[in-house]
Amino acid sequence: MEFIYYFGDVFSPLSFMLLLGGTIGGLILGATPGLSPTMAVALLIPFTFQLEATQGLILLGAAYTSTVAGGAVSAILLKIPGAPANIATTLDGHTMAKKGQGARALQLSFLASAVGGIFGVLLLIFLTPVLADWALAFGPPHLFWLAILGVTVIGSLDSSSVVKGLLSGCIGLWLATIGFDDIMGAQRFIFHPSLGGGINIIAALIGLFAIPQVLTMFAKGRHPGTAEVIAVQKHSVLDAMRELIRRPRALAIGTITGSIIGLIPGVGGQIAGLVAYDQSKKFSPESEKFGKGHPEGVIAAESANNAMVGPSLVPLLTLSIPGSPTAAVLLGGLLIHGIFPGSDLFDNHPEVAWTFINSMLIGQVLMCLFGLYIAGLAARVAQVPQSVMAAVVLALSVFGAYSVQSSMGDVYVMACLGVMMFFLERFGFSAAPLVLGLILGPIAEANFIQGSMIANATDGMSAYFLGGALNKLLIILVLASIAYSAWMELRLRRHQPAPAKEARA
């Protein structure tokens, strides 16, 4: 209960002002396409040089928390994920916004984010020593099987059929191989200088989601009679709270899934929302509503995104191992002030560690309050004319892709992938499985190669990748996920009328 002793330090005037500024700034940065949580925290590092270590971490932690949640704003209203963590939010959130339910979707996303985030920080407070030992149990074979488990989600993720979902995922896996191999240094598919460093995930994310939207909106803008007129529906916060309480299954699945995935070093929060969305869909009796504007999809995805924030800091604070790119930037913020995280951090600098953790707990509440305040105002974006919106989204897309590495090459990659996705969507393919393959490809490949090197020097491939309780558990989950996806596809085809089956083919 030592954290209670340092709780009041968060409310000192300067600390609380930094917490407010980091929260509001994080929401704005998170809603801007291309500005990921990692970039947002990195941009704020210079502002911490003249601050004390505790105050600097409060600013960075607030930005981290609120940027993850703020990415839902552009994901829901524009179908452009603010960060890879918000991909799953677009699947139902944007559909709700197109129906005029943008305020409802935003309110549910911020409430779910707050619940998941508070749960994740409480895990960080009470179970840090236990979770740190558990995080160490994950080696290359376990991370490989975890990536394969994520790949099995591809088939049922927002596509007109399992086959098209798998094909989209395979395209993403191929795109992930472009560039130089991180382990062996081999050159692969580099047919343009812009591809020397591989395909940047942020540029790909913007291209695959935003550019098809822009092209579609420009097409509708040329024909005023075909432009959509969306009536924005008002939705009270109390109604959103009641709806969240009525859907505990999606909230629980998202929170638990996000907490577990956030704890695993090297995986990060990029797939937490997608895995939570898939599991919520599989356990829901209304699975056929997912992807068509179902609130449970938004709740599961956003609760998972913020639930992973607290556990992702466990390896950093206890083992000096950054569990994600954002955690690595936070590590830099600690080292700047001469503080080295590790097992003795809570003994040598308890005021820094506990005040930082407490600020993240309070930051979740502030993020929710500010998010709910702007939800109704932000939802009015749906009433902007299509031609104007297309121009704004295109400008944001170019800015977001260029700002990642200050490279026009990323802008070219974004444009090419966007045009490709525009035509693929006409044949029933979806961007979400493709992006998931792009994210999981490097994780699976790197850990398989590392594991192979270790296995060849020890007990062999079979014993290393198939032995051990954790490996066997993950393999069972992989097989169960594949079997369930196949069963769901067969059941869906069995209950569809003949014209629908022909359309799907």
Protein backbone atom coordinates (compact mmCIF):
# COMPACT_ATOMS: atom_id res chain seq x y z
CA MET A 1 0.00 0.00 0.00
CA GLU A 2 3.02 2.27 -0.35
CA PHE A 3 1.51 3.96 -3.41
CA ILE A 4 -1.12 5.69 -1.22
CA TYR A 5 1.64 7.57 0.63
CA TYR A 6 2.69 9.29 -2.61
CA PHE A 7 -0.81 9.85 -3.97
CA GLY A 8 -0.97 13.48 -2.86
CA ASP A 9 2.19 14.39 -4.80
CA VAL A 10 0.23 14.14 -8.05
CA PHE A 11 -1.97 17.06 -6.96
CA SER A 12 0.85 19.55 -6.39
CA PRO A 13 0.14 22.56 -8.66
CA LEU A 14 2.87 21.98 -11.25
CA SER A 15 2.42 18.19 -11.37
CA PHE A 16 -1.34 18.41 -11.82
CA MET A 17 -0.97 21.12 -14.48
CA LEU A 18 1.43 18.88 -16.40
CA LEU A 19 -1.00 16.00 -16.03
CA LEU A 20 -3.81 18.11 -17.47
CA GLY A 21 -1.62 19.41 -20.30
CA GLY A 22 -0.33 15.94 -21.17
CA THR A 23 -3.86 14.52 -21.19
CA ILE A 24 -5.37 17.21 -23.41
CA GLY A 25 -2.33 17.31 -25.69
CA GLY A 26 -2.32 13.52 -25.95
CA LEU A 27 -5.97 13.45 -27.03
CA ILE A 28 -5.24 15.99 -29.77
CA LEU A 29 -2.08 14.20 -30.94
CA GLY A 30 -3.81 10.82 -30.80
CA ALA A 31 -6.64 12.04 -33.01
CA THR A 32 -4.12 13.22 -35.64
CA PRO A 33 -3.40 10.48 -38.20
CA GLY A 34 0.25 9.45 -38.18
CA LEU A 35 1.09 10.67 -34.68
CA SER A 36 1.35 7.40 -32.77
CA PRO A 37 1.76 7.19 -28.96
CA THR A 38 5.49 6.53 -29.46
CA MET A 39 5.91 9.66 -31.55
CA ALA A 40 3.79 11.75 -29.17
CA VAL A 41 5.91 10.75 -26.17
CA ALA A 42 9.13 11.28 -28.14
CA LEU A 43 8.02 14.79 -29.14
CA LEU A 44 7.50 15.68 -25.49
CA ILE A 45 10.88 14.39 -24.26
CA PRO A 46 12.67 17.76 -24.84
CA PHE A 47 10.08 19.52 -22.67
CA THR A 48 11.12 17.38 -19.68
CA PHE A 49 14.78 18.44 -19.64
CA GLN A 50 14.21 21.28 -17.18
CA LEU A 51 11.67 19.36 -15.09
CA GLU A 52 12.28 17.04 -12.19
CA ALA A 53 12.22 13.33 -12.99
CA THR A 54 8.79 12.83 -11.41
CA GLN A 55 7.21 15.75 -13.22
CA GLY A 56 8.73 14.75 -16.55
CA LEU A 57 7.36 11.22 -16.24
CA ILE A 58 3.92 12.55 -15.31
CA LEU A 59 3.84 14.53 -18.57
CA LEU A 60 5.04 11.56 -20.65
CA GLY A 61 2.72 9.06 -18.94
CA ALA A 62 -0.32 11.30 -19.43
CA ALA A 63 0.49 11.72 -23.12
CA TYR A 64 0.97 7.94 -23.54
CA THR A 65 -2.37 7.12 -21.94
CA SER A 66 -4.47 9.73 -23.70
CA THR A 67 -2.85 9.29 -27.12
CA VAL A 68 -3.90 5.63 -27.18
CA ALA A 69 -7.48 6.65 -26.39
CA GLY A 70 -7.43 9.71 -28.68
CA GLY A 71 -6.69 7.54 -31.70
CA ALA A 72 -10.30 6.36 -31.50
CA VAL A 73 -11.54 9.80 -32.58
CA SER A 74 -10.13 9.62 -36.12
CA ALA A 75 -10.77 5.86 -36.25
CA ILE A 76 -14.48 6.34 -35.58
CA LEU A 77 -15.15 9.58 -37.45
CA LEU A 78 -12.80 9.22 -40.44
CA LYS A 79 -11.99 5.49 -40.53
CA ILE A 80 -8.33 6.42 -40.12
CA PRO A 81 -6.81 4.73 -37.04
CA GLY A 82 -4.81 7.26 -35.03
CA ALA A 83 -2.35 4.43 -34.29
CA PRO A 84 -2.09 0.70 -35.06
CA ALA A 85 -3.79 0.01 -31.72
CA ASN A 86 -7.00 1.60 -33.04
CA ILE A 87 -7.42 -0.57 -36.13
CA ALA A 88 -10.17 -2.71 -34.60
CA THR A 89 -12.07 0.39 -33.49
CA THR A 90 -12.68 1.36 -37.13
CA LEU A 91 -14.53 -1.88 -37.89
CA ASP A 92 -17.68 -1.00 -35.94
CA GLY A 93 -16.97 2.55 -34.80
CA HIS A 94 -16.92 4.10 -38.26
CA THR A 95 -20.03 2.17 -39.27
CA MET A 96 -21.80 3.65 -36.23
CA ALA A 97 -20.60 7.13 -37.23
CA LYS A 98 -21.99 6.64 -40.76
CA LYS A 99 -25.35 5.89 -39.16
CA GLY A 100 -25.20 9.16 -37.22
CA GLN A 101 -24.12 7.44 -33.99
CA GLY A 102 -20.66 8.99 -33.80
CA ALA A 103 -21.27 10.56 -30.37
CA ARG A 104 -22.48 7.23 -28.99
CA ALA A 105 -19.45 5.39 -30.38
CA LEU A 106 -17.03 7.98 -28.98
CA GLN A 107 -18.66 7.96 -25.55
CA LEU A 108 -18.50 4.17 -25.39
CA SER A 109 -14.87 4.19 -26.53
CA PHE A 110 -13.74 6.68 -23.86
CA LEU A 111 -15.70 4.96 -21.08
CA ALA A 112 -14.34 1.54 -22.10
CA SER A 113 -10.83 3.00 -22.35
CA ALA A 114 -11.10 4.39 -18.81
CA VAL A 115 -12.30 1.07 -17.36
CA GLY A 116 -9.59 -0.92 -19.16
CA GLY A 117 -6.92 1.65 -18.35
CA ILE A 118 -7.75 1.78 -14.63
CA PHE A 119 -7.72 -2.03 -14.46
CA GLY A 120 -4.33 -2.15 -16.21
CA VAL A 121 -2.77 0.42 -13.85
CA LEU A 122 -4.16 -1.43 -10.81
CA LEU A 123 -2.44 -4.58 -12.10
CA LEU A 124 0.77 -2.54 -12.35
CA ILE A 125 0.35 -1.37 -8.74
CA PHE A 126 -0.57 -4.62 -7.00
CA LEU A 127 0.92 -7.43 -9.10
CA THR A 128 4.17 -6.00 -10.49
CA PRO A 129 6.57 -8.58 -8.92
CA VAL A 130 4.41 -11.55 -9.98
CA LEU A 131 3.80 -10.19 -13.48
CA ALA A 132 7.49 -9.45 -13.99
CA ASP A 133 8.40 -13.11 -13.39
CA TRP A 134 5.62 -14.19 -15.75
CA ALA A 135 6.77 -11.80 -18.47
CA LEU A 136 10.26 -13.35 -18.34
CA ALA A 137 8.77 -16.73 -19.25
CA PHE A 138 8.13 -15.54 -22.84
CA GLY A 139 10.98 -16.40 -25.17
CA PRO A 140 11.29 -16.58 -28.99
CA PRO A 141 9.16 -19.76 -29.41
CA HIS A 142 6.32 -18.36 -27.33
CA LEU A 143 6.34 -15.03 -29.15
CA PHE A 144 6.37 -16.94 -32.46
CA TRP A 145 3.29 -18.95 -31.51
CA LEU A 146 1.63 -15.81 -30.19
CA ALA A 147 2.16 -14.16 -33.58
CA ILE A 148 0.74 -17.24 -35.31
CA LEU A 149 -2.27 -17.02 -32.97
CA GLY A 150 -2.74 -13.46 -34.18
CA VAL A 151 -2.52 -14.67 -37.79
CA THR A 152 -5.40 -17.09 -37.17
CA VAL A 153 -7.57 -14.08 -36.36
CA ILE A 154 -7.10 -12.81 -39.91
CA GLY A 155 -9.57 -15.17 -41.53
CA SER A 156 -12.60 -13.87 -39.64
CA LEU A 157 -11.62 -10.21 -39.40
CA ASP A 158 -13.91 -7.85 -41.30
CA SER A 159 -13.98 -9.61 -44.65
CA SER A 160 -16.75 -10.95 -46.82
CA SER A 161 -15.31 -14.46 -46.45
CA VAL A 162 -12.60 -16.37 -44.63
CA VAL A 163 -10.74 -17.00 -47.89
CA LYS A 164 -10.61 -13.30 -48.76
CA GLY A 165 -9.56 -12.50 -45.21
CA LEU A 166 -6.69 -15.00 -45.41
CA LEU A 167 -5.64 -13.68 -48.82
CA SER A 168 -5.60 -10.13 -47.42
CA GLY A 169 -3.48 -11.35 -44.52
CA CYS A 170 -1.07 -13.09 -46.91
CA ILE A 171 -0.62 -9.85 -48.84
CA GLY A 172 0.20 -8.14 -45.54
CA LEU A 173 2.70 -10.88 -44.64
CA TRP A 174 4.38 -10.45 -48.02
CA LEU A 175 4.56 -6.67 -47.59
CA ALA A 176 6.22 -7.26 -44.21
CA THR A 177 9.13 -9.04 -45.93
CA ILE A 178 10.05 -5.99 -48.05
CA GLY A 179 13.34 -4.39 -47.03
CA PHE A 180 16.39 -5.79 -45.26
CA ASP A 181 15.99 -8.82 -43.01
CA ASP A 182 16.58 -7.66 -39.43
CA ILE A 183 18.35 -10.89 -38.42
CA MET A 184 20.38 -11.98 -41.45
CA GLY A 185 20.62 -8.66 -43.33
CA ALA A 186 19.31 -10.14 -46.58
CA GLN A 187 17.85 -7.76 -49.19
CA ARG A 188 14.28 -8.61 -50.25
CA PHE A 189 11.92 -7.07 -52.84
CA ILE A 190 13.64 -3.65 -52.78
CA PHE A 191 12.62 -2.46 -56.24
CA HIS A 192 12.65 1.24 -55.28
CA PRO A 193 14.97 3.24 -52.96
CA SER A 194 11.96 4.21 -50.81
CA LEU A 195 11.59 0.56 -49.79
CA GLY A 196 15.14 0.14 -48.45
CA GLY A 197 13.96 0.42 -44.86
CA GLY A 198 10.85 -1.67 -45.44
CA ILE A 199 7.28 -0.44 -45.29
CA ASN A 200 6.66 1.85 -42.34
CA ILE A 201 3.60 0.65 -40.45
CA ILE A 202 2.21 4.16 -39.88
CA ALA A 203 2.48 5.12 -43.55
CA ALA A 204 0.87 1.80 -44.51
CA LEU A 205 -1.89 2.27 -41.96
CA ILE A 206 -2.78 5.72 -43.28
CA GLY A 207 -2.62 4.58 -46.89
CA LEU A 208 -4.70 1.43 -46.47
CA PHE A 209 -7.45 3.10 -44.47
CA ALA A 210 -7.45 6.77 -45.48
CA ILE A 211 -6.74 6.83 -49.22
CA PRO A 212 -9.64 4.48 -50.19
CA GLN A 213 -11.89 6.72 -48.08
CA VAL A 214 -10.58 9.83 -49.85
CA LEU A 215 -11.10 8.33 -53.31
CA THR A 216 -14.61 7.23 -52.39
CA MET A 217 -15.49 10.65 -50.97
CA PHE A 218 -14.12 12.46 -54.04
CA ALA A 219 -16.21 10.18 -56.25
CA LYS A 220 -19.36 10.98 -54.28
CA GLY A 221 -18.51 14.68 -54.23
CA ARG A 222 -18.60 14.77 -58.05
CA HIS A 223 -22.17 13.52 -57.98
CA PRO A 224 -24.12 15.60 -55.41
CA GLY A 225 -27.13 13.35 -55.70
CA THR A 226 -25.17 10.38 -54.39
CA ALA A 227 -23.59 12.15 -51.41
CA GLU A 228 -24.65 10.80 -48.04
CA VAL A 229 -26.62 13.09 -45.75
CA ILE A 230 -25.99 11.95 -42.18
CA ALA A 231 -28.28 13.04 -39.38
CA VAL A 232 -26.14 13.18 -36.24
CA GLN A 233 -28.01 11.67 -33.31
CA LYS A 234 -27.59 13.09 -29.83
CA HIS A 235 -26.63 10.60 -27.15
CA SER A 236 -26.29 11.28 -23.44
CA VAL A 237 -23.34 10.15 -21.33
CA LEU A 238 -25.72 8.44 -18.87
CA ASP A 239 -27.15 6.33 -21.68
CA ALA A 240 -23.60 5.39 -22.71
CA MET A 241 -22.80 4.36 -19.12
CA ARG A 242 -25.93 2.22 -18.94
CA GLU A 243 -25.06 0.58 -22.26
CA LEU A 244 -21.54 -0.17 -21.07
CA ILE A 245 -22.92 -1.82 -17.91
CA ARG A 246 -25.30 -3.90 -20.04
CA ARG A 247 -22.38 -5.30 -22.06
CA PRO A 248 -20.01 -6.70 -19.42
CA ARG A 249 -18.85 -9.57 -21.62
CA ALA A 250 -17.19 -7.35 -24.24
CA LEU A 251 -15.72 -5.10 -21.53
CA ALA A 252 -14.28 -8.04 -19.59
CA ILE A 253 -12.85 -9.76 -22.69
CA GLY A 254 -11.24 -6.54 -23.88
CA THR A 255 -9.79 -5.63 -20.49
CA ILE A 256 -8.36 -9.08 -19.74
CA THR A 257 -7.01 -9.63 -23.27
CA GLY A 258 -5.37 -6.20 -23.34
CA SER A 259 -3.79 -6.73 -19.93
CA ILE A 260 -2.27 -10.07 -20.93
CA ILE A 261 -0.95 -8.92 -24.30
CA GLY A 262 0.39 -5.66 -22.86
CA LEU A 263 2.51 -7.64 -20.41
CA ILE A 264 4.35 -9.62 -23.10
CA PRO A 265 7.58 -7.83 -24.16
CA GLY A 266 7.92 -7.22 -27.88
CA VAL A 267 4.26 -7.60 -28.81
CA GLY A 268 2.98 -4.22 -27.66
CA GLY A 269 -0.52 -2.87 -28.00
CA GLN A 270 -0.71 -3.03 -31.78
CA ILE A 271 -2.57 -6.33 -31.74
CA ALA A 272 -4.33 -6.06 -28.37
CA GLY A 273 -7.43 -4.42 -29.80
CA LEU A 274 -7.62 -6.81 -32.76
CA VAL A 275 -7.28 -9.94 -30.63
CA ALA A 276 -9.84 -8.61 -28.11
CA TYR A 277 -12.23 -7.75 -30.96
CA ASP A 278 -11.88 -11.25 -32.41
CA GLN A 279 -12.40 -12.97 -29.06
CA SER A 280 -15.40 -10.79 -28.25
CA LYS A 281 -16.89 -11.66 -31.62
CA LYS A 282 -16.33 -15.38 -31.08
CA PHE A 283 -17.93 -15.40 -27.63
CA SER A 284 -20.85 -13.16 -28.56
CA PRO A 285 -24.28 -14.62 -29.43
CA GLU A 286 -24.62 -11.65 -31.80
CA SER A 287 -21.43 -12.30 -33.76
CA GLU A 288 -23.17 -11.61 -37.07
CA LYS A 289 -23.63 -7.95 -36.00
CA PHE A 290 -19.88 -7.31 -35.68
CA GLY A 291 -18.57 -5.13 -38.47
CA LYS A 292 -22.02 -3.61 -39.02
CA GLY A 293 -21.95 -1.04 -36.23
CA HIS A 294 -22.12 -3.22 -33.11
CA PRO A 295 -21.20 -1.32 -29.90
CA GLU A 296 -19.51 -4.40 -28.43
CA GLY A 297 -16.82 -4.17 -31.11
CA VAL A 298 -15.91 -0.64 -30.00
CA ILE A 299 -16.04 -1.56 -26.29
CA ALA A 300 -13.81 -4.63 -26.65
CA ALA A 301 -11.23 -2.89 -28.85
CA GLU A 302 -10.87 0.29 -26.80
CA SER A 303 -10.89 -1.37 -23.38
CA ALA A 304 -8.08 -3.65 -24.61
CA ASN A 305 -6.06 -0.73 -26.02
CA ASN A 306 -5.86 1.08 -22.70
CA ALA A 307 -5.74 -2.03 -20.50
CA MET A 308 -2.39 -2.90 -22.09
CA VAL A 309 -0.79 0.44 -21.07
CA GLY A 310 -0.20 -0.41 -17.38
CA PRO A 311 1.07 -3.98 -17.86
CA SER A 312 3.33 -2.89 -20.74
CA LEU A 313 5.35 -0.89 -18.19
CA VAL A 314 5.92 -3.88 -15.87
CA PRO A 315 9.00 -5.22 -17.74
CA LEU A 316 10.36 -1.66 -17.99
CA LEU A 317 10.03 -0.67 -14.33
CA THR A 318 11.11 -4.00 -12.85
CA LEU A 319 13.48 -5.57 -15.39
CA SER A 320 14.72 -2.56 -17.44
CA ILE A 321 13.24 -4.28 -20.50
CA PRO A 322 11.02 -1.99 -22.63
CA GLY A 323 7.95 -4.02 -23.54
CA SER A 324 6.98 -1.75 -26.44
CA PRO A 325 8.43 1.11 -28.54
CA THR A 326 6.66 3.66 -26.34
CA ALA A 327 8.11 2.05 -23.22
CA ALA A 328 11.56 2.37 -24.80
CA VAL A 329 11.02 6.14 -25.17
CA LEU A 330 9.89 6.31 -21.54
CA LEU A 331 13.10 4.49 -20.62
CA GLY A 332 14.99 7.31 -22.31
CA GLY A 333 13.03 9.80 -20.20
CA LEU A 334 14.17 8.00 -17.05
CA LEU A 335 17.80 7.74 -18.10
CA ILE A 336 17.96 11.45 -18.94
CA HIS A 337 17.37 12.15 -15.24
CA GLY A 338 19.90 9.58 -14.09
CA ILE A 339 17.32 7.02 -12.96
CA PHE A 340 17.88 3.41 -13.98
CA PRO A 341 14.77 1.23 -13.79
CA GLY A 342 15.11 -2.22 -12.35
CA SER A 343 14.38 -4.30 -9.30
CA ASP A 344 15.65 -1.59 -6.95
CA LEU A 345 13.73 1.32 -8.54
CA PHE A 346 10.96 1.12 -5.95
CA ASP A 347 13.56 1.04 -3.14
CA ASN A 348 15.90 3.81 -4.33
CA HIS A 349 13.38 6.15 -5.98
CA PRO A 350 9.93 5.30 -4.60
CA GLU A 351 8.72 8.90 -4.94
CA VAL A 352 9.41 8.81 -8.70
CA ALA A 353 7.95 5.36 -9.38
CA TRP A 354 4.81 5.63 -7.28
CA THR A 355 3.97 9.23 -8.22
CA PHE A 356 4.33 8.30 -11.89
CA ILE A 357 2.05 5.27 -11.51
CA ASN A 358 -0.51 7.24 -9.48
CA SER A 359 -0.56 9.98 -12.12
CA MET A 360 -1.42 7.38 -14.77
CA LEU A 361 -4.34 6.21 -12.64
CA ILE A 362 -5.69 9.76 -12.30
CA GLY A 363 -4.86 10.44 -15.94
CA GLN A 364 -7.28 7.71 -17.02
CA VAL A 365 -10.11 9.54 -15.26
CA LEU A 366 -9.14 12.92 -16.75
CA MET A 367 -8.84 11.37 -20.21
CA CYS A 368 -12.35 9.98 -19.89
CA LEU A 369 -13.82 13.31 -18.72
CA PHE A 370 -12.23 15.35 -21.51
CA GLY A 371 -13.06 12.66 -24.07
CA LEU A 372 -16.73 12.60 -23.10
CA TYR A 373 -16.82 16.41 -23.28
CA ILE A 374 -15.56 16.52 -26.87
CA ALA A 375 -17.53 13.45 -28.08
CA GLY A 376 -20.69 15.35 -29.00
CA LEU A 377 -18.77 18.17 -30.68
CA ALA A 378 -16.46 15.84 -32.61
CA ALA A 379 -19.38 13.77 -33.91
CA ARG A 380 -20.49 16.77 -36.00
CA VAL A 381 -17.61 16.01 -38.34
CA ALA A 382 -20.03 13.61 -40.05
CA GLN A 383 -22.02 16.61 -41.33
CA VAL A 384 -19.08 18.13 -43.23
CA PRO A 385 -19.60 17.89 -47.02
CA GLN A 386 -17.88 14.92 -48.62
CA SER A 387 -15.72 16.98 -50.98
CA VAL A 388 -14.42 19.18 -48.15
CA MET A 389 -13.84 16.20 -45.88
CA ALA A 390 -11.92 14.39 -48.63
CA ALA A 391 -9.54 17.33 -49.05
CA VAL A 392 -8.98 17.62 -45.29
CA VAL A 393 -8.36 13.87 -44.88
CA LEU A 394 -5.96 13.85 -47.83
CA ALA A 395 -3.97 16.73 -46.34
CA LEU A 396 -3.85 15.00 -42.93
CA SER A 397 -2.79 11.76 -44.59
CA VAL A 398 0.12 13.34 -46.44
CA PHE A 399 1.19 15.19 -43.28
CA GLY A 400 0.91 12.05 -41.15
CA ALA A 401 2.86 9.83 -43.55
CA TYR A 402 5.61 12.42 -44.07
CA SER A 403 5.99 13.29 -40.38
CA VAL A 404 6.97 9.76 -39.32
CA GLN A 405 10.44 9.84 -40.87
CA SER A 406 10.38 13.17 -42.76
CA SER A 407 10.51 11.15 -45.96
CA MET A 408 8.60 11.60 -49.21
CA GLY A 409 9.23 7.92 -49.79
CA ASP A 410 6.68 7.13 -47.07
CA VAL A 411 4.18 9.38 -48.85
CA TYR A 412 4.71 7.45 -52.11
CA VAL A 413 4.29 4.13 -50.28
CA MET A 414 1.12 5.43 -48.62
CA ALA A 415 -0.35 6.52 -51.98
CA CYS A 416 0.49 3.22 -53.74
CA LEU A 417 -0.93 1.06 -50.97
CA GLY A 418 -4.03 3.26 -50.78
CA VAL A 419 -4.81 2.96 -54.49
CA MET A 420 -4.21 -0.81 -54.31
CA MET A 421 -6.58 -1.09 -51.35
CA PHE A 422 -9.22 1.00 -53.13
CA PHE A 423 -9.46 -1.62 -55.88
CA LEU A 424 -9.16 -4.59 -53.51
CA GLU A 425 -12.14 -3.29 -51.51
CA ARG A 426 -14.24 -3.44 -54.69
CA PHE A 427 -13.74 -7.22 -54.66
CA GLY A 428 -14.66 -7.68 -50.99
CA PHE A 429 -11.18 -7.54 -49.46
CA SER A 430 -10.58 -5.63 -46.25
CA ALA A 431 -7.72 -3.48 -44.96
CA ALA A 432 -7.78 -4.80 -41.38
CA PRO A 433 -6.49 -8.35 -42.12
CA LEU A 434 -3.83 -6.90 -44.42
CA VAL A 435 -2.53 -4.54 -41.73
CA LEU A 436 -2.58 -7.33 -39.15
CA GLY A 437 -0.41 -9.46 -41.44
CA LEU A 438 1.96 -6.50 -41.91
CA ILE A 439 2.28 -6.11 -38.12
CA LEU A 440 2.62 -9.78 -37.23
CA GLY A 441 4.97 -10.76 -40.05
CA PRO A 442 8.16 -9.26 -38.55
CA ILE A 443 7.28 -10.56 -35.06
CA ALA A 444 6.78 -14.13 -36.29
CA GLU A 445 9.81 -14.10 -38.59
CA ALA A 446 12.29 -12.57 -36.15
CA ASN A 447 11.32 -14.88 -33.30
CA PHE A 448 11.33 -17.97 -35.54
CA ILE A 449 14.85 -17.22 -36.78
CA GLN A 450 16.12 -16.45 -33.26
CA GLY A 451 14.42 -19.58 -31.93
CA SER A 452 15.92 -21.68 -34.74
CA MET A 453 19.42 -20.51 -33.87
CA ILE A 454 18.92 -21.35 -30.21
CA ALA A 455 17.23 -24.68 -31.03
CA ASN A 456 20.02 -25.81 -33.34
CA ALA A 457 22.54 -25.13 -30.57
CA THR A 458 20.52 -26.95 -27.90
CA ASP A 459 17.84 -29.64 -28.06
CA GLY A 460 16.62 -29.27 -31.64
CA MET A 461 13.63 -27.59 -33.30
CA SER A 462 10.93 -29.97 -32.11
CA ALA A 463 11.83 -29.80 -28.44
CA TYR A 464 12.32 -26.04 -28.50
CA PHE A 465 9.18 -25.03 -30.41
CA LEU A 466 6.81 -27.83 -29.35
CA GLY A 467 7.95 -28.65 -25.82
CA GLY A 468 7.01 -26.93 -22.60
CA ALA A 469 3.62 -26.16 -21.07
CA LEU A 470 3.43 -22.61 -22.45
CA ASN A 471 4.25 -23.70 -26.00
CA LYS A 472 1.61 -26.44 -25.84
CA LEU A 473 -1.00 -24.03 -24.48
CA LEU A 474 -0.37 -21.55 -27.28
CA ILE A 475 -0.47 -24.31 -29.93
CA ILE A 476 -3.83 -25.50 -28.57
CA LEU A 477 -5.14 -21.93 -28.75
CA VAL A 478 -3.92 -21.63 -32.36
CA LEU A 479 -5.67 -24.87 -33.37
CA ALA A 480 -8.84 -23.90 -31.50
CA SER A 481 -8.90 -20.49 -33.20
CA ILE A 482 -8.52 -22.07 -36.66
CA ALA A 483 -11.23 -24.65 -35.93
CA TYR A 484 -13.61 -22.03 -34.62
CA SER A 485 -13.12 -19.75 -37.63
CA ALA A 486 -13.77 -22.67 -40.00
CA TRP A 487 -16.85 -23.74 -38.05
CA MET A 488 -18.23 -20.19 -38.05
CA GLU A 489 -17.73 -19.92 -41.82
CA LEU A 490 -19.49 -23.23 -42.44
CA ARG A 491 -22.37 -22.28 -40.14
CA LEU A 492 -22.72 -18.92 -41.83
CA ARG A 493 -22.80 -20.48 -45.30
CA ARG A 494 -25.31 -23.11 -44.16
CA HIS A 495 -27.77 -20.49 -42.92
CA GLN A 496 -27.39 -18.07 -45.84
CA PRO A 497 -29.91 -18.00 -48.68
CA ALA A 498 -28.63 -19.00 -52.11
CA PRO A 499 -28.36 -15.46 -53.62
CA ALA A 500 -26.22 -14.33 -50.68
CA LYS A 501 -23.90 -17.29 -51.12
CA GLU A 502 -23.44 -16.43 -54.79
CA ALA A 503 -22.69 -12.82 -53.89
CA ARG A 504 -20.05 -13.89 -51.35
CA ALA A 505 -18.36 -16.14 -53.89
